[in-house]
Amino acid sequence: MENPTQTSTTVYFDGGCPVCSREIAMYQRQPGAGAVLWTDVTRCTASELGPGLTRDKALARLHVRLTDGRLVSGAQAFTTLWRVLPRWAWLGRLLGTPATLWLLEGGYRGFLWVRRIWRRA
């Protein structure tokens, strides 16, 4: 489902994960970050998640909603976010190809497996 009134890219992140929070804080300090809506899924309402995203799904991995309403997650969400931030755009373009996304997704899934330990703490 699309949201035609959305005017900015939205990043849904797990504010309860210390590693995730630090990384998002670093992105929030970057030029261009003011154009992004940053949503901590541990503190938002269900309506702030928008269509097609539940709290459980949002807590499971990084999600980004594009201005056209499409929702991407995992490695694709990272490369999408990077393309929005001017200093990171080159990396988003370089690593946003299908072959590199496949590799990045494998690494991200490995991180998610380890992240379970941090989420319990």
Protein backbone atom coordinates (compact mmCIF):
# COMPACT_ATOMS: atom_id res chain seq x y z
CA MET A 1 0.00 0.00 0.00
CA GLU A 2 1.36 3.45 -0.86
CA ASN A 3 1.19 6.69 1.09
CA PRO A 4 1.05 9.51 -1.46
CA THR A 5 1.27 12.25 1.21
CA GLN A 6 4.63 11.14 2.63
CA THR A 7 7.24 13.80 1.90
CA SER A 8 10.37 12.36 3.49
CA THR A 9 12.19 9.08 3.72
CA THR A 10 11.41 7.35 7.02
CA VAL A 11 13.88 5.13 8.87
CA TYR A 12 12.43 2.67 11.40
CA PHE A 13 15.09 1.53 13.86
CA ASP A 14 15.34 -0.44 17.10
CA GLY A 15 16.16 2.10 19.80
CA GLY A 16 16.44 -0.76 22.30
CA CYS A 17 19.56 -2.12 20.61
CA PRO A 18 22.67 -0.24 21.81
CA VAL A 19 24.62 -0.92 18.61
CA CYS A 20 21.68 0.08 16.41
CA SER A 21 21.11 3.28 18.42
CA ARG A 22 24.75 4.32 18.12
CA GLU A 23 24.78 3.74 14.39
CA ILE A 24 21.54 5.66 13.86
CA ALA A 25 22.84 8.52 16.04
CA MET A 26 25.88 8.73 13.76
CA TYR A 27 23.64 8.92 10.68
CA GLN A 28 21.47 11.57 12.37
CA ARG A 29 24.53 13.83 12.69
CA GLN A 30 25.25 13.68 8.95
CA PRO A 31 24.42 16.44 6.47
CA GLY A 32 21.02 15.72 4.95
CA ALA A 33 19.75 13.86 8.01
CA GLY A 34 17.19 16.58 8.68
CA ALA A 35 15.31 15.45 5.58
CA VAL A 36 14.82 11.98 7.10
CA LEU A 37 12.09 11.06 9.57
CA TRP A 38 13.76 8.90 12.25
CA THR A 39 11.33 6.57 14.04
CA ASP A 40 12.39 4.59 17.09
CA VAL A 41 10.04 1.63 16.91
CA THR A 42 10.39 0.97 20.64
CA ARG A 43 8.73 4.33 21.36
CA CYS A 44 6.35 5.02 18.49
CA THR A 45 2.66 4.36 18.14
CA ALA A 46 1.33 1.68 15.80
CA SER A 47 -0.01 4.40 13.47
CA GLU A 48 3.50 5.87 13.10
CA LEU A 49 4.64 2.57 11.57
CA GLY A 50 2.35 3.08 8.61
CA PRO A 51 0.84 0.49 6.30
CA GLY A 52 2.47 -2.90 5.94
CA LEU A 53 4.76 -2.62 8.97
CA THR A 54 4.08 -4.11 12.39
CA ARG A 55 6.12 -3.43 15.51
CA ASP A 56 7.44 -7.01 15.50
CA LYS A 57 8.57 -6.72 11.87
CA ALA A 58 10.12 -3.31 12.55
CA LEU A 59 12.01 -4.62 15.59
CA ALA A 60 13.32 -7.60 13.65
CA ARG A 61 15.39 -5.56 11.16
CA LEU A 62 15.98 -2.06 9.80
CA HIS A 63 13.20 -0.72 7.57
CA VAL A 64 13.05 2.36 5.37
CA ARG A 65 9.90 3.77 3.80
CA LEU A 66 10.55 5.71 0.62
CA THR A 67 8.68 8.87 -0.28
CA ASP A 68 6.51 6.89 -2.70
CA GLY A 69 5.37 4.67 0.21
CA ARG A 70 7.41 1.58 -0.68
CA LEU A 71 8.99 -0.23 2.26
CA VAL A 72 12.46 -1.83 2.07
CA SER A 73 14.36 -3.66 4.77
CA GLY A 74 17.73 -5.12 5.67
CA ALA A 75 20.71 -4.40 3.44
CA GLN A 76 18.50 -2.64 0.92
CA ALA A 77 17.29 -0.31 3.69
CA PHE A 78 20.88 0.62 4.50
CA THR A 79 21.82 1.37 0.90
CA THR A 80 18.60 3.37 0.51
CA LEU A 81 19.41 5.41 3.63
CA TRP A 82 22.98 5.96 2.46
CA ARG A 83 21.76 7.34 -0.86
CA VAL A 84 19.69 9.96 1.01
CA LEU A 85 22.72 11.21 2.97
CA PRO A 86 25.10 13.20 0.71
CA ARG A 87 28.33 11.96 2.31
CA TRP A 88 27.15 8.35 2.05
CA ALA A 89 25.41 8.48 -1.34
CA TRP A 90 28.43 7.09 -3.19
CA LEU A 91 28.42 4.01 -0.94
CA GLY A 92 24.69 3.50 -1.44
CA ARG A 93 25.14 3.59 -5.20
CA LEU A 94 28.21 1.34 -5.11
CA LEU A 95 26.71 -1.31 -2.84
CA GLY A 96 23.08 -1.04 -3.97
CA THR A 97 23.47 -3.45 -6.88
CA PRO A 98 21.77 -6.86 -6.75
CA ALA A 99 25.05 -8.78 -6.39
CA THR A 100 26.39 -6.63 -3.57
CA LEU A 101 23.01 -6.47 -1.85
CA TRP A 102 23.01 -10.26 -1.77
CA LEU A 103 26.38 -10.24 0.02
CA LEU A 104 25.42 -7.38 2.35
CA GLU A 105 22.18 -9.13 3.27
CA GLY A 106 24.14 -12.23 4.30
CA GLY A 107 26.36 -10.12 6.53
CA TYR A 108 23.35 -8.27 7.95
CA ARG A 109 21.61 -11.54 8.80
CA GLY A 110 24.75 -12.60 10.66
CA PHE A 111 24.65 -9.34 12.60
CA LEU A 112 20.97 -9.91 13.43
CA TRP A 113 21.82 -13.31 14.87
CA VAL A 114 24.44 -11.75 17.19
CA ARG A 115 22.17 -8.79 17.98
CA ARG A 116 19.80 -11.09 19.87
CA ILE A 117 22.40 -11.12 22.67
CA TRP A 118 22.46 -7.31 22.89
CA ARG A 119 18.68 -7.06 22.83
CA ARG A 120 18.42 -9.25 25.95
CA ALA A 121 20.79 -7.02 27.93
